[in-house]
Amino acid sequence: MKKQLLTAVIAVVSLCACSERPGPSMGWTAQNAVDKLCGRYEVESLTWDGPEADINGDGIIAPTHLEELLQGPWDGIQDPGGPFVYVTPASELGKGTNVDAHLFIGFIDWPVKYSLMTLKYEYSVSESGEFTFSQHHMNDLAFTSPLNEDHSAGRFDGESVYLDGDILVISGETSFYDFAEGKQISGRETYRFKCVSTKRRGE
């Protein structure tokens, strides 16, 4: 009986060990690339291919889309600050690792017209240090407005995430409310983020 129990325990331990076996470890090239990529990114620029609009309802159209969004007002909520991204360090080759992007998303017919929302992406690194970015399954922002069933309350879709040299680019289609024209407008936002703190720099 004791022998059978010992055999069963060994089998369970072996099974757990197999299920927790780590993936391929990274060589110097991949590790160096990850150390350079991971860290905090701040927005360098934000372009908008939609029409110029009074998105924040202050009666003024700012010179740039980013300035229009940064000026608020925030309808009673705390000023969320500017867009930023945090890239988590990867530990294994080919394993999906988090990229948390805080981007401006419009909320049509809601008391809060727009705000920073956290969108999640993933990246994996190859042995040669090449990165592949993908959308996280949690990024489902398309939902119906509680005040108007014909309007989408928030969306950021058709995303594209890639590196342009040392710049992390994230773009997607979204919608805002134009107070000047009294209607919903749509377009593509393209964020360019510059890393301000990386493991490679020792910051």
C-alpha atoms as a PDB file:
ATOM      1  CA  MET A   1       0.000   0.000   0.000  1.00  0.00           C
ATOM      2  CA  LYS A   2       2.823   2.401   0.976  1.00  0.00           C
ATOM      3  CA  LYS A   3       4.661   1.508  -2.228  1.00  0.00           C
ATOM      4  CA  GLN A   4       1.572   2.300  -4.306  1.00  0.00           C
ATOM      5  CA  LEU A   5       1.082   5.621  -2.484  1.00  0.00           C
ATOM      6  CA  LEU A   6       4.732   6.579  -3.039  1.00  0.00           C
ATOM      7  CA  THR A   7       4.424   5.733  -6.731  1.00  0.00           C
ATOM      8  CA  ALA A   8       1.329   7.933  -7.030  1.00  0.00           C
ATOM      9  CA  VAL A   9       3.074  10.861  -5.311  1.00  0.00           C
ATOM     10  CA  ILE A  10       6.081  10.555  -7.626  1.00  0.00           C
ATOM     11  CA  ALA A  11       3.744  10.498 -10.635  1.00  0.00           C
ATOM     12  CA  VAL A  12       1.952  13.686  -9.491  1.00  0.00           C
ATOM     13  CA  VAL A  13       5.226  15.486  -8.812  1.00  0.00           C
ATOM     14  CA  SER A  14       6.552  14.456 -12.220  1.00  0.00           C
ATOM     15  CA  LEU A  15       3.380  15.670 -13.899  1.00  0.00           C
ATOM     16  CA  CYS A  16       3.605  19.068 -12.152  1.00  0.00           C
ATOM     17  CA  ALA A  17       7.255  19.387 -13.083  1.00  0.00           C
ATOM     18  CA  CYS A  18       6.435  18.750 -16.735  1.00  0.00           C
ATOM     19  CA  SER A  19       3.582  21.281 -16.780  1.00  0.00           C
ATOM     20  CA  GLU A  20       5.803  24.005 -15.293  1.00  0.00           C
ATOM     21  CA  ARG A  21       8.795  23.340 -17.529  1.00  0.00           C
ATOM     22  CA  PRO A  22      10.070  26.681 -18.831  1.00  0.00           C
ATOM     23  CA  GLY A  23      10.266  27.472 -22.527  1.00  0.00           C
ATOM     24  CA  PRO A  24      13.457  28.053 -24.489  1.00  0.00           C
ATOM     25  CA  SER A  25      15.823  30.402 -22.678  1.00  0.00           C
ATOM     26  CA  MET A  26      17.054  33.517 -24.440  1.00  0.00           C
ATOM     27  CA  GLY A  27      20.537  33.905 -25.794  1.00  0.00           C
ATOM     28  CA  TRP A  28      22.523  37.127 -25.671  1.00  0.00           C
ATOM     29  CA  THR A  29      21.034  38.553 -28.880  1.00  0.00           C
ATOM     30  CA  ALA A  30      17.408  38.084 -27.805  1.00  0.00           C
ATOM     31  CA  GLN A  31      18.080  39.201 -24.235  1.00  0.00           C
ATOM     32  CA  ASN A  32      19.839  42.349 -25.418  1.00  0.00           C
ATOM     33  CA  ALA A  33      16.893  43.186 -27.690  1.00  0.00           C
ATOM     34  CA  VAL A  34      14.383  42.671 -24.857  1.00  0.00           C
ATOM     35  CA  ASP A  35      16.435  44.775 -22.443  1.00  0.00           C
ATOM     36  CA  LYS A  36      16.295  47.577 -24.986  1.00  0.00           C
ATOM     37  CA  LEU A  37      12.557  47.197 -25.661  1.00  0.00           C
ATOM     38  CA  CYS A  38      11.143  46.837 -22.150  1.00  0.00           C
ATOM     39  CA  GLY A  39      10.397  49.842 -19.990  1.00  0.00           C
ATOM     40  CA  ARG A  40       8.198  52.934 -19.932  1.00  0.00           C
ATOM     41  CA  TYR A  41       7.321  54.885 -23.071  1.00  0.00           C
ATOM     42  CA  GLU A  42       5.891  58.400 -23.295  1.00  0.00           C
ATOM     43  CA  VAL A  43       4.016  59.846 -26.240  1.00  0.00           C
ATOM     44  CA  GLU A  44       6.199  61.695 -28.735  1.00  0.00           C
ATOM     45  CA  SER A  45       3.417  62.540 -31.180  1.00  0.00           C
ATOM     46  CA  LEU A  46      -0.192  61.702 -31.986  1.00  0.00           C
ATOM     47  CA  THR A  47      -1.673  62.149 -35.446  1.00  0.00           C
ATOM     48  CA  TRP A  48      -5.347  61.963 -36.420  1.00  0.00           C
ATOM     49  CA  ASP A  49      -6.583  61.489 -39.964  1.00  0.00           C
ATOM     50  CA  GLY A  50     -10.167  62.464 -39.136  1.00  0.00           C
ATOM     51  CA  PRO A  51     -11.608  65.995 -39.399  1.00  0.00           C
ATOM     52  CA  GLU A  52     -10.515  68.793 -37.087  1.00  0.00           C
ATOM     53  CA  ALA A  53     -13.010  68.963 -34.248  1.00  0.00           C
ATOM     54  CA  ASP A  54     -13.897  70.430 -30.870  1.00  0.00           C
ATOM     55  CA  ILE A  55     -13.667  67.145 -29.009  1.00  0.00           C
ATOM     56  CA  ASN A  56     -13.421  68.504 -25.473  1.00  0.00           C
ATOM     57  CA  GLY A  57     -16.391  70.874 -25.819  1.00  0.00           C
ATOM     58  CA  ASP A  58     -14.553  74.093 -24.897  1.00  0.00           C
ATOM     59  CA  GLY A  59     -15.567  75.902 -28.094  1.00  0.00           C
ATOM     60  CA  ILE A  60     -11.986  75.926 -29.421  1.00  0.00           C
ATOM     61  CA  ILE A  61     -10.257  73.586 -31.873  1.00  0.00           C
ATOM     62  CA  ALA A  62      -6.664  73.106 -30.713  1.00  0.00           C
ATOM     63  CA  PRO A  63      -3.779  73.178 -33.230  1.00  0.00           C
ATOM     64  CA  THR A  64      -3.178  69.418 -32.832  1.00  0.00           C
ATOM     65  CA  HIS A  65      -5.275  66.376 -31.956  1.00  0.00           C
ATOM     66  CA  LEU A  66      -3.080  65.636 -28.922  1.00  0.00           C
ATOM     67  CA  GLU A  67      -3.443  69.172 -27.543  1.00  0.00           C
ATOM     68  CA  GLU A  68      -7.226  68.981 -28.001  1.00  0.00           C
ATOM     69  CA  LEU A  69      -7.358  65.793 -25.933  1.00  0.00           C
ATOM     70  CA  LEU A  70      -4.889  66.892 -23.252  1.00  0.00           C
ATOM     71  CA  GLN A  71      -6.816  70.090 -22.482  1.00  0.00           C
ATOM     72  CA  GLY A  72      -9.838  68.273 -21.054  1.00  0.00           C
ATOM     73  CA  PRO A  73     -12.219  69.087 -19.393  1.00  0.00           C
ATOM     74  CA  TRP A  74     -12.549  65.756 -17.664  1.00  0.00           C
ATOM     75  CA  ASP A  75     -16.200  66.004 -16.565  1.00  0.00           C
ATOM     76  CA  GLY A  76     -15.491  65.564 -12.872  1.00  0.00           C
ATOM     77  CA  ILE A  77     -12.811  62.884 -13.174  1.00  0.00           C
ATOM     78  CA  GLN A  78      -9.156  63.432 -12.349  1.00  0.00           C
ATOM     79  CA  ASP A  79      -6.883  64.584 -15.164  1.00  0.00           C
ATOM     80  CA  PRO A  80      -5.428  61.261 -16.368  1.00  0.00           C
ATOM     81  CA  GLY A  81      -2.280  62.830 -17.821  1.00  0.00           C
ATOM     82  CA  GLY A  82      -0.837  61.936 -21.204  1.00  0.00           C
ATOM     83  CA  PRO A  83      -0.746  58.620 -23.067  1.00  0.00           C
ATOM     84  CA  PHE A  84       2.002  56.179 -22.111  1.00  0.00           C
ATOM     85  CA  VAL A  85       3.029  52.548 -22.612  1.00  0.00           C
ATOM     86  CA  TYR A  86       4.726  50.018 -20.351  1.00  0.00           C
ATOM     87  CA  VAL A  87       6.476  47.007 -21.890  1.00  0.00           C
ATOM     88  CA  THR A  88       7.067  44.045 -19.557  1.00  0.00           C
ATOM     89  CA  PRO A  89      10.400  42.185 -19.895  1.00  0.00           C
ATOM     90  CA  ALA A  90      10.146  38.801 -21.627  1.00  0.00           C
ATOM     91  CA  SER A  91      11.624  35.723 -19.967  1.00  0.00           C
ATOM     92  CA  GLU A  92      11.387  33.109 -22.725  1.00  0.00           C
ATOM     93  CA  LEU A  93      11.653  32.862 -26.484  1.00  0.00           C
ATOM     94  CA  GLY A  94       8.319  32.926 -28.302  1.00  0.00           C
ATOM     95  CA  LYS A  95       6.267  33.581 -25.154  1.00  0.00           C
ATOM     96  CA  GLY A  96       3.590  36.301 -25.261  1.00  0.00           C
ATOM     97  CA  THR A  97       4.554  39.183 -22.954  1.00  0.00           C
ATOM     98  CA  ASN A  98       2.432  42.199 -21.986  1.00  0.00           C
ATOM     99  CA  VAL A  99       2.464  45.619 -23.619  1.00  0.00           C
ATOM    100  CA  ASP A 100       0.095  47.906 -21.661  1.00  0.00           C
ATOM    101  CA  ALA A 101      -0.894  50.968 -23.712  1.00  0.00           C
ATOM    102  CA  HIS A 102      -2.842  53.866 -22.177  1.00  0.00           C
ATOM    103  CA  LEU A 103      -4.559  55.575 -25.120  1.00  0.00           C
ATOM    104  CA  PHE A 104      -7.309  58.154 -25.618  1.00  0.00           C
ATOM    105  CA  ILE A 105     -10.610  56.516 -26.545  1.00  0.00           C
ATOM    106  CA  GLY A 106     -13.834  58.358 -27.349  1.00  0.00           C
ATOM    107  CA  PHE A 107     -17.115  57.558 -25.552  1.00  0.00           C
ATOM    108  CA  ILE A 108     -20.048  58.658 -27.661  1.00  0.00           C
ATOM    109  CA  ASP A 109     -23.176  59.839 -25.733  1.00  0.00           C
ATOM    110  CA  TRP A 110     -21.597  59.126 -22.356  1.00  0.00           C
ATOM    111  CA  PRO A 111     -21.170  61.717 -19.587  1.00  0.00           C
ATOM    112  CA  VAL A 112     -17.403  61.312 -19.991  1.00  0.00           C
ATOM    113  CA  LYS A 113     -16.733  62.068 -23.654  1.00  0.00           C
ATOM    114  CA  TYR A 114     -13.282  60.482 -23.760  1.00  0.00           C
ATOM    115  CA  SER A 115     -10.565  59.242 -21.458  1.00  0.00           C
ATOM    116  CA  LEU A 116      -7.385  57.208 -21.287  1.00  0.00           C
ATOM    117  CA  MET A 117      -8.111  53.500 -21.536  1.00  0.00           C
ATOM    118  CA  THR A 118      -5.668  50.650 -20.982  1.00  0.00           C
ATOM    119  CA  LEU A 119      -5.358  48.454 -24.048  1.00  0.00           C
ATOM    120  CA  LYS A 120      -3.322  45.280 -23.854  1.00  0.00           C
ATOM    121  CA  TYR A 121      -1.050  43.870 -26.523  1.00  0.00           C
ATOM    122  CA  GLU A 122       1.546  41.131 -26.508  1.00  0.00           C
ATOM    123  CA  TYR A 123       4.950  40.654 -28.031  1.00  0.00           C
ATOM    124  CA  SER A 124       7.225  37.684 -28.501  1.00  0.00           C
ATOM    125  CA  VAL A 125      10.926  37.661 -29.320  1.00  0.00           C
ATOM    126  CA  SER A 126      12.839  35.281 -31.568  1.00  0.00           C
ATOM    127  CA  GLU A 127      16.346  33.945 -31.067  1.00  0.00           C
ATOM    128  CA  SER A 128      17.612  36.547 -33.542  1.00  0.00           C
ATOM    129  CA  GLY A 129      16.046  39.379 -31.517  1.00  0.00           C
ATOM    130  CA  GLU A 130      13.103  40.022 -33.865  1.00  0.00           C
ATOM    131  CA  PHE A 131       9.780  41.065 -32.299  1.00  0.00           C
ATOM    132  CA  THR A 132       6.236  40.035 -33.206  1.00  0.00           C
ATOM    133  CA  PHE A 133       3.347  42.085 -31.803  1.00  0.00           C
ATOM    134  CA  SER A 134      -0.256  40.922 -31.494  1.00  0.00           C
ATOM    135  CA  GLN A 135      -3.556  42.149 -30.095  1.00  0.00           C
ATOM    136  CA  HIS A 136      -4.653  40.867 -26.703  1.00  0.00           C
ATOM    137  CA  HIS A 137      -8.074  39.196 -26.484  1.00  0.00           C
ATOM    138  CA  MET A 138      -9.162  41.700 -23.802  1.00  0.00           C
ATOM    139  CA  ASN A 139      -9.276  44.638 -26.253  1.00  0.00           C
ATOM    140  CA  ASP A 140     -13.001  44.476 -26.933  1.00  0.00           C
ATOM    141  CA  LEU A 141     -14.124  48.088 -26.551  1.00  0.00           C
ATOM    142  CA  ALA A 142     -17.007  48.110 -29.020  1.00  0.00           C
ATOM    143  CA  PHE A 143     -20.144  48.338 -26.931  1.00  0.00           C
ATOM    144  CA  THR A 144     -23.491  50.104 -27.239  1.00  0.00           C
ATOM    145  CA  SER A 145     -24.036  53.571 -25.813  1.00  0.00           C
ATOM    146  CA  PRO A 146     -26.586  53.574 -22.939  1.00  0.00           C
ATOM    147  CA  LEU A 147     -28.096  56.805 -24.307  1.00  0.00           C
ATOM    148  CA  ASN A 148     -28.302  55.955 -27.998  1.00  0.00           C
ATOM    149  CA  GLU A 149     -28.372  52.390 -29.289  1.00  0.00           C
ATOM    150  CA  ASP A 150     -27.323  53.592 -32.765  1.00  0.00           C
ATOM    151  CA  HIS A 151     -23.939  54.773 -31.482  1.00  0.00           C
ATOM    152  CA  SER A 152     -20.850  52.817 -30.529  1.00  0.00           C
ATOM    153  CA  ALA A 153     -19.805  54.073 -27.110  1.00  0.00           C
ATOM    154  CA  GLY A 154     -16.141  53.300 -27.480  1.00  0.00           C
ATOM    155  CA  ARG A 155     -13.851  51.571 -29.915  1.00  0.00           C
ATOM    156  CA  PHE A 156     -10.242  51.216 -30.977  1.00  0.00           C
ATOM    157  CA  ASP A 157      -9.977  48.635 -33.730  1.00  0.00           C
ATOM    158  CA  GLY A 158      -7.980  47.791 -36.817  1.00  0.00           C
ATOM    159  CA  GLU A 159      -4.914  48.090 -34.593  1.00  0.00           C
ATOM    160  CA  SER A 160      -1.356  48.103 -35.815  1.00  0.00           C
ATOM    161  CA  VAL A 161       1.617  47.782 -33.449  1.00  0.00           C
ATOM    162  CA  TYR A 162       5.217  47.862 -34.630  1.00  0.00           C
ATOM    163  CA  LEU A 163       8.671  49.331 -34.071  1.00  0.00           C
ATOM    164  CA  ASP A 164       9.962  52.165 -36.231  1.00  0.00           C
ATOM    165  CA  GLY A 165      13.591  52.122 -35.184  1.00  0.00           C
ATOM    166  CA  ASP A 166      13.457  52.865 -31.455  1.00  0.00           C
ATOM    167  CA  ILE A 167       9.936  54.304 -31.677  1.00  0.00           C
ATOM    168  CA  LEU A 168       6.947  52.141 -30.705  1.00  0.00           C
ATOM    169  CA  VAL A 169       3.997  52.884 -33.003  1.00  0.00           C
ATOM    170  CA  ILE A 170       0.388  52.028 -32.106  1.00  0.00           C
ATOM    171  CA  SER A 171      -2.518  53.017 -34.325  1.00  0.00           C
ATOM    172  CA  GLY A 172      -6.208  52.230 -34.564  1.00  0.00           C
ATOM    173  CA  GLU A 173      -9.625  53.463 -35.650  1.00  0.00           C
ATOM    174  CA  THR A 174     -11.675  55.293 -33.026  1.00  0.00           C
ATOM    175  CA  SER A 175     -14.563  57.767 -32.709  1.00  0.00           C
ATOM    176  CA  PHE A 176     -15.162  61.035 -30.896  1.00  0.00           C
ATOM    177  CA  TYR A 177     -18.000  63.519 -30.574  1.00  0.00           C
ATOM    178  CA  ASP A 178     -17.489  66.855 -32.347  1.00  0.00           C
ATOM    179  CA  PHE A 179     -19.186  69.581 -30.289  1.00  0.00           C
ATOM    180  CA  ALA A 180     -18.763  72.143 -33.072  1.00  0.00           C
ATOM    181  CA  GLU A 181     -20.757  70.092 -35.583  1.00  0.00           C
ATOM    182  CA  GLY A 182     -22.864  68.160 -33.098  1.00  0.00           C
ATOM    183  CA  LYS A 183     -22.067  64.750 -34.542  1.00  0.00           C
ATOM    184  CA  GLN A 184     -19.884  61.681 -34.209  1.00  0.00           C
ATOM    185  CA  ILE A 185     -16.629  61.646 -36.155  1.00  0.00           C
ATOM    186  CA  SER A 186     -14.290  58.752 -36.879  1.00  0.00           C
ATOM    187  CA  GLY A 187     -10.679  58.417 -37.894  1.00  0.00           C
ATOM    188  CA  ARG A 188      -7.374  56.718 -37.216  1.00  0.00           C
ATOM    189  CA  GLU A 189      -5.136  57.711 -34.322  1.00  0.00           C
ATOM    190  CA  THR A 190      -1.419  56.977 -34.713  1.00  0.00           C
ATOM    191  CA  TYR A 191       0.677  57.201 -31.563  1.00  0.00           C
ATOM    192  CA  ARG A 192       4.465  57.343 -31.604  1.00  0.00           C
ATOM    193  CA  PHE A 193       6.028  56.479 -28.250  1.00  0.00           C
ATOM    194  CA  LYS A 194       9.616  57.044 -27.169  1.00  0.00           C
ATOM    195  CA  CYS A 195      11.176  54.912 -24.456  1.00  0.00           C
ATOM    196  CA  VAL A 196      12.236  56.941 -21.428  1.00  0.00           C
ATOM    197  CA  SER A 197      13.369  54.097 -19.157  1.00  0.00           C
ATOM    198  CA  THR A 198      14.841  50.736 -20.137  1.00  0.00           C
ATOM    199  CA  LYS A 199      16.692  47.938 -18.411  1.00  0.00           C
ATOM    200  CA  ARG A 200      19.537  48.365 -20.896  1.00  0.00           C
ATOM    201  CA  ARG A 201      20.074  51.944 -19.757  1.00  0.00           C
ATOM    202  CA  GLY A 202      20.052  50.884 -16.120  1.00  0.00           C
ATOM    203  CA  GLU A 203      17.220  53.262 -15.275  1.00  0.00           C
END
